[in-house]
Protein backbone atom coordinates (compact mmCIF):
# COMPACT_ATOMS: atom_id res chain seq x y z
CA MET A 1 33.08 -30.16 -5.20
CA SER A 2 33.07 -26.18 -4.08
CA PHE A 3 30.31 -23.90 -5.67
CA TYR A 4 32.24 -20.65 -4.23
CA ASN A 5 33.00 -18.37 -6.43
CA LYS A 6 34.40 -14.63 -6.00
CA THR A 7 33.59 -13.72 -9.51
CA SER A 8 30.78 -10.72 -9.23
CA LYS A 9 29.96 -10.39 -12.31
CA MET A 10 26.80 -7.43 -13.26
CA ASP A 11 23.86 -8.78 -15.51
CA PHE A 12 21.80 -5.78 -16.18
CA ASN A 13 18.12 -7.11 -17.51
CA GLU A 14 16.71 -4.41 -19.74
CA THR A 15 13.23 -5.01 -19.07
CA SER A 16 13.43 -3.98 -14.80
CA GLY A 17 16.04 -1.28 -16.03
CA ILE A 18 17.94 -3.05 -12.83
CA TYR A 19 21.94 -4.58 -12.52
CA ILE A 20 21.54 -7.76 -11.47
CA ASP A 21 24.31 -9.90 -9.50
CA ARG A 22 24.37 -13.08 -10.43
CA TYR A 23 27.13 -14.02 -8.30
CA HIS A 24 25.93 -13.46 -4.33
CA TYR A 25 22.47 -13.03 -2.04
CA THR A 26 20.37 -10.03 -3.84
CA THR A 27 16.77 -9.76 -2.15
CA PRO A 28 13.81 -11.00 -5.18
CA LEU A 29 11.91 -7.72 -3.91
CA SER A 30 14.61 -5.11 -5.08
CA SER A 31 16.09 -7.39 -7.96
CA ARG A 32 12.62 -8.73 -9.65
CA TYR A 33 9.78 -7.17 -8.39
CA SER A 34 10.66 -3.44 -7.23
CA SER A 35 9.75 -0.63 -9.38
CA GLU A 36 12.94 1.78 -10.59
CA GLU A 37 11.65 5.09 -8.40
CA MET A 38 11.30 2.67 -5.12
CA SER A 39 14.60 0.88 -5.58
CA TYR A 40 16.69 4.47 -5.96
CA ASN A 41 14.70 6.13 -3.41
CA PHE A 42 16.91 3.12 -1.12
CA SER A 43 19.85 3.08 -3.26
CA ASP A 44 22.90 3.88 -1.56
CA MET A 45 23.65 6.39 -4.35
CA LYS A 46 20.47 8.71 -2.76
CA ARG A 47 21.31 8.13 0.48
CA PHE A 48 24.21 9.49 0.22
CA GLN A 49 24.13 12.18 -1.27
CA ILE A 50 21.35 13.09 1.37
CA PHE A 51 24.41 12.93 3.58
CA ARG A 52 25.88 15.48 1.04
CA TRP A 53 22.88 17.17 1.13
CA LEU A 54 22.41 17.07 4.49
CA TRP A 55 26.05 18.83 5.12
CA ILE A 56 25.65 21.45 2.24
CA TYR A 57 22.33 22.77 4.48
CA LEU A 58 24.06 22.26 7.70
CA ALA A 59 26.40 25.15 6.06
CA LYS A 60 24.55 28.01 4.32
CA SER A 61 22.47 27.22 8.01
CA GLN A 62 25.50 27.90 10.04
CA LYS A 63 26.90 30.95 7.13
CA GLU A 64 23.24 32.92 7.40
CA LEU A 65 23.70 33.04 11.04
CA GLY A 66 27.50 34.25 10.93
CA LEU A 67 29.92 31.22 10.98
CA GLU A 68 33.00 32.41 8.68
CA ILE A 69 31.72 30.13 6.24
CA SER A 70 32.26 31.48 2.49
CA ASN A 71 29.85 30.68 -0.51
CA GLU A 72 33.60 29.09 -2.04
CA GLN A 73 33.36 26.36 0.24
CA ILE A 74 29.42 26.27 -0.86
CA GLU A 75 30.05 26.01 -3.57
CA GLU A 76 32.81 23.30 -3.67
CA MET A 77 30.43 21.00 -1.55
CA GLN A 78 27.67 21.18 -4.16
CA SER A 79 29.93 21.12 -7.05
CA ASN A 80 30.86 17.20 -5.92
CA VAL A 81 27.36 16.00 -4.86
CA GLU A 82 27.94 12.87 -6.58
CA GLU A 83 30.67 12.30 -7.12
CA ILE A 84 31.41 9.96 -4.19
CA ASP A 85 34.26 6.86 -4.30
CA PHE A 86 32.72 3.52 -3.20
CA ASP A 87 35.47 1.39 -2.82
CA PHE A 88 37.02 4.07 -0.41
CA ILE A 89 33.69 4.30 1.71
CA GLU A 90 34.24 0.58 1.83
CA GLU A 91 37.84 0.57 2.52
CA GLU A 92 37.40 3.68 5.32
CA THR A 93 33.81 1.70 6.88
CA CYS A 94 36.23 -1.49 7.26
CA ARG A 95 39.51 0.21 8.74
CA HIS A 96 36.61 2.66 10.70
CA ASN A 97 34.10 0.70 11.54
CA HIS A 98 32.07 3.81 10.78
CA ASP A 99 30.45 4.85 7.81
CA ILE A 100 29.41 8.50 8.44
CA VAL A 101 33.76 8.55 9.10
CA ALA A 102 34.67 7.26 6.20
CA HIS A 103 31.57 8.88 4.01
CA LEU A 104 33.10 12.35 6.09
CA SER A 105 36.73 11.27 4.96
CA GLU A 106 36.16 11.17 1.46
CA PHE A 107 33.56 14.12 1.59
CA SER A 108 36.69 16.44 2.62
CA SER A 109 38.57 15.06 0.64
CA ARG A 110 36.57 16.06 -2.66
CA CYS A 111 36.01 19.01 -1.68
CA PRO A 112 39.68 20.54 0.36
CA LYS A 113 38.75 24.54 0.76
CA ALA A 114 35.53 23.32 2.83
CA ALA A 115 36.65 20.20 4.94
CA SER A 116 37.19 22.64 7.39
CA ILE A 117 33.75 23.22 7.73
CA ILE A 118 31.65 20.33 6.90
CA HIS A 119 29.78 18.41 9.54
CA LEU A 120 30.35 21.78 11.67
CA GLY A 121 29.15 20.99 14.99
CA ALA A 122 27.43 17.95 13.58
CA THR A 123 27.14 13.89 15.39
CA SER A 124 26.60 10.73 13.26
CA SER A 125 22.35 11.23 13.94
CA TYR A 126 22.02 14.58 11.90
CA LEU A 127 23.71 12.50 8.94
CA GLY A 128 21.30 9.33 9.57
CA ASP A 129 18.80 10.07 12.05
CA ASN A 130 17.20 13.01 8.91
CA THR A 131 18.55 10.53 6.20
CA ASP A 132 15.55 8.41 7.40
CA LEU A 133 12.60 10.85 7.65
CA ILE A 134 14.09 12.72 4.18
CA LEU A 135 13.46 8.32 2.48
CA LEU A 136 10.81 7.77 4.35
CA ARG A 137 8.83 10.60 2.99
CA ASP A 138 9.77 10.07 -0.81
CA GLY A 139 8.69 6.80 -0.28
CA LEU A 140 5.10 7.89 0.65
CA ASP A 141 5.77 9.86 -2.36
CA ILE A 142 5.91 7.49 -4.28
CA LEU A 143 2.98 5.80 -3.04
CA LEU A 144 0.15 7.79 -2.72
CA PRO A 145 -0.30 8.17 -6.76
CA LYS A 146 -0.10 4.60 -7.28
CA LEU A 147 -2.44 3.94 -4.46
CA ALA A 148 -4.59 6.73 -5.89
CA ASN A 149 -4.90 5.07 -9.04
CA CYS A 150 -5.76 1.69 -8.00
CA MET A 151 -8.64 3.97 -6.28
CA ASN A 152 -9.26 5.27 -9.87
CA LYS A 153 -9.46 1.67 -11.73
CA LEU A 154 -12.08 1.00 -8.61
CA SER A 155 -14.11 3.67 -9.26
CA THR A 156 -14.51 3.23 -12.75
CA PHE A 157 -15.06 -0.74 -12.23
CA SER A 158 -17.85 0.51 -9.82
CA LEU A 159 -19.72 2.29 -11.34
CA LYS A 160 -19.92 0.41 -14.71
CA TYR A 161 -21.54 -2.95 -12.21
CA LYS A 162 -23.49 -0.53 -10.19
CA ASP A 163 -26.49 -2.37 -10.94
CA LEU A 164 -25.50 -5.62 -12.04
CA PRO A 165 -26.92 -7.81 -9.19
CA THR A 166 -24.35 -10.30 -7.43
CA ILE A 167 -24.70 -12.95 -4.63
CA GLY A 168 -23.51 -10.82 -1.48
CA TYR A 169 -22.60 -13.57 1.02
CA THR A 170 -21.83 -13.43 4.66
CA HIS A 171 -19.53 -17.10 5.58
CA LEU A 172 -19.06 -17.22 2.17
CA ASN A 173 -23.26 -18.47 1.62
CA PRO A 174 -26.17 -16.51 -0.14
CA ALA A 175 -27.86 -14.23 2.51
CA GLN A 176 -28.80 -10.98 0.15
CA LEU A 177 -28.25 -9.82 -2.62
CA VAL A 178 -25.73 -6.70 -3.49
CA THR A 179 -24.35 -5.22 -6.96
CA LEU A 180 -21.11 -6.04 -8.32
CA GLY A 181 -20.19 -2.24 -8.41
CA LYS A 182 -21.19 -1.98 -4.58
CA ARG A 183 -19.36 -4.56 -2.99
CA SER A 184 -16.18 -3.30 -4.93
CA CYS A 185 -16.94 0.24 -2.88
CA GLN A 186 -16.68 -2.06 0.22
CA TRP A 187 -12.62 -2.80 -0.96
CA ILE A 188 -12.86 1.27 -2.56
CA ALA A 189 -13.44 2.16 1.76
CA ASP A 190 -10.79 0.19 2.78
CA LEU A 191 -8.10 1.57 0.39
CA LEU A 192 -9.43 5.67 1.18
CA ASN A 193 -8.73 4.43 4.92
CA ASP A 194 -5.34 3.59 3.67
CA LEU A 195 -5.55 6.73 1.81
CA ASN A 196 -5.81 9.15 4.61
CA SER A 197 -3.60 7.05 6.83
CA LEU A 198 -0.85 7.63 4.16
CA LYS A 199 -1.24 11.40 3.97
CA ALA A 200 -1.79 11.90 7.76
CA ILE A 201 1.71 9.87 8.57
CA ARG A 202 2.78 11.65 5.08
CA GLU A 203 1.97 15.70 7.52
CA ARG A 204 3.36 14.37 10.87
CA LEU A 205 6.92 13.57 8.63
CA SER A 206 6.35 17.51 7.34
CA ASN A 207 6.88 18.51 10.64
CA ASN A 208 9.38 16.01 12.38
CA PHE A 209 12.35 16.59 10.72
CA VAL A 210 15.05 15.92 13.75
CA GLY A 211 16.83 18.93 12.66
CA CYS A 212 20.29 19.34 14.95
CA LYS A 213 20.90 17.46 17.48
CA SER A 214 23.37 16.22 19.42
CA SER A 215 23.19 11.63 20.54
CA THR A 216 20.95 12.63 23.25
CA GLY A 217 18.45 15.25 21.72
CA THR A 218 19.83 18.68 23.21
CA SER A 219 21.95 20.12 21.27
CA ASP A 220 24.93 21.04 23.56
CA THR A 221 27.15 20.62 20.58
CA TYR A 222 25.11 23.18 18.85
CA LEU A 223 25.10 25.66 21.65
CA THR A 224 28.97 25.56 22.08
CA LEU A 225 29.11 26.86 18.34
CA PHE A 226 26.88 29.37 18.36
CA ASN A 227 28.57 30.68 22.16
CA ASN A 228 24.96 29.35 23.90
CA ASP A 229 23.17 31.71 21.90
CA LYS A 230 20.02 29.75 22.40
CA GLU A 231 17.89 31.75 19.97
CA LYS A 232 20.89 31.02 17.31
CA VAL A 233 19.76 27.40 17.67
CA HIS A 234 16.15 27.65 17.34
CA LYS A 235 17.24 29.98 14.21
CA LEU A 236 19.57 26.90 12.91
CA GLU A 237 17.03 23.98 13.11
CA GLN A 238 14.62 26.06 11.52
CA LEU A 239 16.52 27.50 8.00
CA VAL A 240 18.06 23.53 7.94
CA ALA A 241 14.22 21.92 7.90
CA GLY A 242 13.43 24.19 5.44
CA PHE A 243 16.25 23.25 2.98
CA ALA A 244 15.19 19.46 3.23
CA GLY A 245 11.24 20.76 2.42
CA PHE A 246 10.82 20.31 5.82
CA LYS A 247 7.82 22.19 7.53
CA ARG A 248 9.17 22.15 10.90
CA CYS A 249 12.20 21.00 13.42
CA SER A 250 10.47 17.98 16.42
CA THR A 251 10.93 19.37 20.08
CA ILE A 252 11.77 16.19 20.81
CA PRO A 253 12.93 13.31 17.99
CA ASP A 254 9.56 10.92 17.53
CA ARG A 255 10.74 7.36 18.62
CA LYS A 256 7.31 5.89 17.14
CA ILE A 257 7.73 7.03 13.41
CA ASP A 258 8.95 4.41 12.21
CA ILE A 259 6.28 1.98 13.82
CA ASP A 260 3.28 4.64 12.85
CA THR A 261 4.70 4.74 9.13
CA LEU A 262 5.72 0.68 8.87
CA ALA A 263 1.77 0.10 10.43
CA VAL A 264 0.28 2.05 7.69
CA LEU A 265 1.69 0.13 5.05
CA ALA A 266 1.10 -3.16 7.35
CA SER A 267 -2.85 -2.04 7.23
CA LEU A 268 -2.64 -1.32 3.46
CA GLY A 269 -1.40 -4.88 3.08
CA GLY A 270 -4.22 -5.79 4.86
CA SER A 271 -7.04 -3.80 2.69
CA VAL A 272 -5.31 -5.28 -0.29
CA HIS A 273 -5.24 -8.75 0.75
CA LYS A 274 -8.94 -8.48 1.86
CA LEU A 275 -9.48 -8.13 -2.09
CA CYS A 276 -7.42 -9.72 -3.56
CA THR A 277 -8.49 -12.59 -1.49
CA ASP A 278 -12.13 -11.57 -2.77
CA ILE A 279 -11.13 -11.38 -6.39
CA ARG A 280 -9.48 -15.03 -6.03
CA LEU A 281 -12.64 -16.28 -4.76
CA LEU A 282 -14.43 -14.67 -7.35
CA ILE A 283 -11.96 -16.28 -10.03
CA GLY A 284 -12.84 -19.46 -8.77
CA PHE A 285 -16.44 -19.05 -8.75
CA LYS A 286 -15.88 -18.57 -12.72
CA VAL A 287 -17.39 -14.64 -12.72
CA LEU A 288 -14.46 -13.05 -12.83
CA GLU A 289 -10.81 -13.45 -14.47
CA GLU A 290 -8.13 -11.82 -14.33
CA PRO A 291 -6.82 -9.45 -17.53
CA LEU A 292 -4.97 -11.93 -19.59
CA ASP A 293 -1.66 -10.57 -21.11
CA SER A 294 -0.06 -11.24 -24.16
CA SER A 295 2.85 -12.58 -22.77
CA SER A 296 0.64 -14.39 -20.37
CA SER A 297 1.49 -18.85 -20.89
CA HIS A 298 -1.76 -19.07 -18.77
CA LEU A 299 -3.34 -22.00 -20.76
CA ALA A 300 -6.94 -21.53 -22.50
CA HIS A 301 -8.56 -23.81 -20.22
CA LYS A 302 -7.12 -21.82 -16.66
CA ARG A 303 -6.50 -18.60 -16.06
CA ASN A 304 -4.60 -18.84 -12.48
CA PRO A 305 -5.44 -15.48 -10.69
CA LEU A 306 -1.13 -15.09 -9.99
CA LYS A 307 -1.78 -11.07 -10.30
CA SER A 308 -3.79 -11.46 -7.24
CA GLU A 309 -1.50 -14.12 -5.44
CA ARG A 310 1.86 -12.16 -5.68
CA CYS A 311 -0.10 -9.52 -3.89
CA SER A 312 -2.20 -11.63 -1.74
CA ALA A 313 1.70 -13.19 -0.76
CA LEU A 314 3.65 -9.22 -0.64
CA ALA A 315 0.84 -8.53 1.83
CA ARG A 316 1.58 -11.21 4.66
CA ASN A 317 5.13 -9.72 3.67
CA LEU A 318 4.10 -6.33 4.49
CA PHE A 319 2.53 -7.93 8.18
CA THR A 320 5.26 -9.79 10.16
CA ILE A 321 7.58 -6.37 8.51
CA HIS A 322 6.17 -4.27 10.87
CA LEU A 323 6.23 -6.56 13.73
CA ASN A 324 10.42 -5.44 13.52
CA ALA A 325 10.28 -2.00 14.14
CA LEU A 326 7.61 -3.19 17.15
CA ASN A 327 9.78 -4.56 18.42
CA THR A 328 13.01 -2.39 18.25
CA SER A 329 11.39 0.12 19.26
CA SER A 330 10.35 -1.37 22.81
CA VAL A 331 14.10 -1.61 23.70
CA GLN A 332 15.75 1.87 22.33
CA PHE A 333 17.62 1.42 25.94
CA LEU A 334 16.05 4.73 28.02
CA GLU A 335 18.01 7.33 25.57
CA LYS A 336 18.49 5.61 22.36
CA SER A 337 20.25 2.33 21.32
CA SER A 338 22.52 1.39 17.88
CA ASP A 339 20.34 -1.57 17.17
CA ASP A 340 17.37 0.37 15.21
CA SER A 341 20.05 0.15 12.09
CA ILE A 342 18.66 -2.49 10.97
CA VAL A 343 15.08 -2.15 11.06
CA LYS A 344 16.09 1.43 9.32
CA ARG A 345 18.70 -0.30 6.43
CA CYS A 346 16.63 -3.51 5.56
CA SER A 347 13.00 -3.28 7.51
CA VAL A 348 11.74 -0.09 6.11
CA PRO A 349 13.39 -0.47 2.57
CA GLU A 350 11.78 -4.31 2.54
CA ALA A 351 7.92 -2.86 3.68
CA TYR A 352 7.92 0.67 1.11
CA ILE A 353 9.06 -1.92 -1.64
CA SER A 354 6.55 -4.43 -0.68
CA ALA A 355 3.91 -1.48 -0.81
CA ASP A 356 5.09 -0.61 -4.44
CA ILE A 357 5.15 -3.96 -5.29
CA ILE A 358 1.34 -4.67 -4.53
CA LEU A 359 0.06 -1.00 -5.83
CA ASN A 360 2.56 -1.59 -8.98
CA THR A 361 0.79 -5.05 -9.67
CA LEU A 362 -2.78 -4.30 -8.05
CA GLN A 363 -3.38 -1.23 -10.93
CA SER A 364 -2.11 -3.82 -14.04
CA LEU A 365 -4.52 -6.58 -12.21
CA LEU A 366 -7.48 -3.74 -12.35
CA SER A 367 -7.06 -1.52 -15.57
CA ASN A 368 -9.18 -4.39 -17.90
CA LEU A 369 -10.44 -6.47 -14.68
CA VAL A 370 -12.73 -9.58 -16.79
CA VAL A 371 -16.67 -10.23 -15.39
CA HIS A 372 -19.18 -12.94 -17.10
CA THR A 373 -21.79 -10.72 -16.41
CA PRO A 374 -23.56 -14.44 -17.86
CA ILE A 375 -22.49 -16.41 -15.03
CA ILE A 376 -23.56 -13.98 -12.71
CA ASN A 377 -26.93 -13.48 -13.61
CA LYS A 378 -27.07 -17.28 -13.68
CA ILE A 379 -25.78 -18.56 -10.12
CA VAL A 380 -28.34 -15.41 -9.16
CA LYS A 381 -31.23 -16.74 -10.67
CA GLN A 382 -29.99 -20.46 -9.70
CA GLU A 383 -29.50 -18.50 -5.65
CA LEU A 384 -32.56 -15.81 -4.91
CA PRO A 385 -35.82 -18.35 -4.12
CA PHE A 386 -33.85 -19.81 -1.29
CA LEU A 387 -32.58 -16.28 0.14
CA PRO A 388 -34.75 -15.05 3.27
CA THR A 389 -35.34 -11.74 1.75
CA CYS A 390 -37.23 -13.88 -1.73
CA THR A 391 -38.75 -16.10 1.15
CA ASP A 392 -40.25 -13.34 3.04
CA ARG A 393 -41.44 -11.83 -0.06
CA LEU A 394 -43.34 -14.72 -1.19
CA VAL A 395 -44.72 -15.41 1.89
CA GLU A 396 -45.93 -11.55 2.06
CA ALA A 397 -47.04 -11.42 -1.43
CA LEU A 398 -49.55 -15.14 -0.36
CA ALA A 399 -50.52 -13.72 2.65
CA LYS A 400 -52.14 -11.24 0.85
CA LYS A 401 -54.34 -13.02 -1.43
CA GLY A 402 -55.40 -15.10 1.94
CA ILE A 403 -52.85 -18.24 2.20
CA LYS A 404 -51.73 -18.63 5.76
CA THR A 405 -48.47 -17.40 6.74
CA GLU A 406 -47.51 -21.00 8.49
CA GLU A 407 -48.73 -22.77 4.92
CA ALA A 408 -46.86 -20.95 2.46
CA SER A 409 -43.74 -21.16 4.76
CA ARG A 410 -44.21 -25.02 4.59
CA LYS A 411 -44.76 -24.56 0.97
CA ILE A 412 -41.53 -22.38 -0.08
CA ALA A 413 -39.47 -25.04 2.49
CA SER A 414 -41.04 -27.92 0.85
CA LEU A 415 -39.68 -27.06 -2.38
CA GLN A 416 -35.97 -25.95 -0.96
CA SER A 417 -35.72 -28.66 0.78
CA LYS A 418 -36.01 -30.44 -2.75
CA ALA A 419 -34.02 -29.26 -4.66
CA ASN A 420 -31.16 -28.39 -2.18
CA TYR A 421 -31.84 -32.57 -1.49
CA ASP A 422 -31.31 -33.21 -6.08
CA PHE A 423 -28.80 -30.63 -6.49
CA LYS A 424 -25.80 -32.28 -3.05
CA GLU A 425 -27.19 -35.75 -3.39
CA ARG A 426 -28.37 -36.55 -6.64
CA ALA A 427 -26.09 -33.89 -8.50
CA ILE A 428 -29.78 -32.54 -10.55
CA GLU A 429 -29.42 -29.32 -11.40
CA TYR A 430 -32.39 -27.06 -10.37
CA ASN A 431 -34.55 -24.21 -11.35
CA LEU A 432 -36.02 -22.63 -9.00
CA ILE A 433 -37.39 -20.13 -9.85
CA GLU A 434 -39.32 -21.79 -12.81
CA ILE A 435 -40.35 -24.85 -10.01
CA ILE A 436 -42.55 -21.92 -8.56
CA SER A 437 -43.62 -20.17 -11.38
CA LYS A 438 -45.59 -24.09 -12.50
CA GLU A 439 -46.67 -24.52 -8.92
CA GLN A 440 -50.09 -24.45 -8.72
CA PHE A 441 -50.17 -22.94 -5.24
CA PHE A 442 -48.55 -20.01 -6.15
CA ALA A 443 -51.53 -19.84 -9.21
CA PRO A 444 -52.31 -15.85 -6.95
CA ILE A 445 -49.30 -14.62 -7.58
CA GLN A 446 -48.71 -15.43 -10.58
CA ASP A 447 -48.31 -11.98 -12.37
CA GLN A 448 -45.75 -10.33 -9.65
CA LEU A 449 -42.73 -13.01 -9.82
CA THR A 450 -41.29 -12.21 -12.15
CA ASN A 451 -41.27 -8.38 -12.25
CA ASP A 452 -41.30 -8.26 -8.77
CA ILE A 453 -40.52 -11.07 -6.40
CA PHE A 454 -37.99 -12.60 -9.22
CA ASN A 455 -36.69 -9.59 -9.96
CA PRO A 456 -33.09 -8.87 -8.83
CA LEU A 457 -33.19 -5.54 -9.21
CA THR A 458 -35.58 -4.99 -6.23
CA TYR A 459 -33.18 -6.87 -4.05
CA ILE A 460 -30.08 -4.42 -4.51
CA GLY A 461 -31.25 -1.81 -2.40
CA CYS A 462 -30.23 1.87 -2.73
CA SER A 463 -26.90 0.41 -3.92
CA VAL A 464 -27.22 2.38 -7.11
CA GLU A 465 -27.18 5.25 -4.88
CA LEU A 466 -25.13 4.16 -2.51
CA VAL A 467 -21.91 3.95 -5.51
CA GLU A 468 -22.96 7.14 -7.17
CA SER A 469 -22.69 9.14 -3.79
CA PHE A 470 -19.48 7.75 -3.45
CA ILE A 471 -17.47 7.85 -5.76
CA LYS A 472 -18.56 11.41 -6.31
CA ASN A 473 -18.52 13.27 -2.74
CA GLU A 474 -16.18 10.87 -0.99
CA VAL A 475 -12.76 9.01 -3.31
CA ARG A 476 -13.15 11.14 -6.77
CA PRO A 477 -12.06 14.61 -4.49
CA ILE A 478 -9.93 12.26 -2.08
CA ILE A 479 -7.62 10.57 -4.96
CA SER A 480 -8.22 14.00 -7.89
CA GLN A 481 -5.11 15.03 -5.01
CA HIS A 482 -2.64 12.62 -6.45
CA LEU A 483 -2.94 11.59 -9.40
CA LYS A 484 -1.14 10.81 -12.41
CA GLU A 485 -0.81 10.21 -15.89
């Protein structure tokens, strides 16, 4: 039985606003999860329109520098930017085995008056390299506000729980008290580093437009066009860069921009993976829960961390995508090879779409994260008497009452050991605070137990002040530049 069918049927998904081809493989990233704005950013429509705008920018700049190009020709090009015959381009690409030639042929047929000046002096790298930079830049402009929104939600969460004591863990074992707000500030700190890195790579992009250079980067074709006037060639590059929204053209093209951009996205993936792994652990401890959507099919007794799991899975995908760019960059023989096109056409869009889905999902996750304060309090009460800081405070208090340090340490250790044994070997619930409070041995410090030694708030150090200072002075001033409703 053959399952092959040439029929193609496009179904419209009203939720995502995307047409889905049910008869050919499409990546789940774009067809199921991607946002409309990021999916469009790497669409053929946007890419091909950028080709045409780059031709227009080039013509405008050449006209300004004295070449015989009329306003009528430029206006004809501008009026046909959105008119694209994709079928014709596909046929021409197959015929010439060159997509730029196909686009030039199609656009020239639409603009007969401008046909003679379209792509004047340019090579394929003018369209391909500059378009790729525009897509990288615009993709970052989509991601930055979403990352800032995630950090803003976490900031609100941190301030709300800045003074809620909870167990801090090292090696996934109870170590010392922190507050839930202080813990979430660590998540924010990781994301803040990523935000700053995204801003830095965005700034680097704005200063590294490839501009008007030949395939080996010497600008020789433009130099011929302007009768060896190097000043005009330099001015041409600055004009085109300005039209495209870039501050300047690079003197030598930045060949590592793909690697470094994807490295920043991979780092963001690492931060989100850590954050969501922590949330998944805390959900397992029953102290947190993901928000329950009205459409959720969760069982009442079992709330799976689906959003956290999705973020973690996509983050791991980001890690591997970065390696594609790194490996490809290392084999760009001498001036250039064309095998980087797979990274630009596949890996870069997938990395951006993965990061976009992660941030969209994370915003939803952090909007109404459920905190079970009674369970947190119960765990704190259960673990506090075992923590070294509490043990030290008990010993010091007893020492001040004349009880030898060694004797106090042995007594406390014996009670801790018995409670541990009863719990682990006999499944007997224990309350070590209550046990210690009833022991005659601790009678001399009875008045200190409740108000000091067993008061969780006395173990959180400067957590409240650290949270307030961090959010006010370091986080909010940065994210306020990128926040969107």
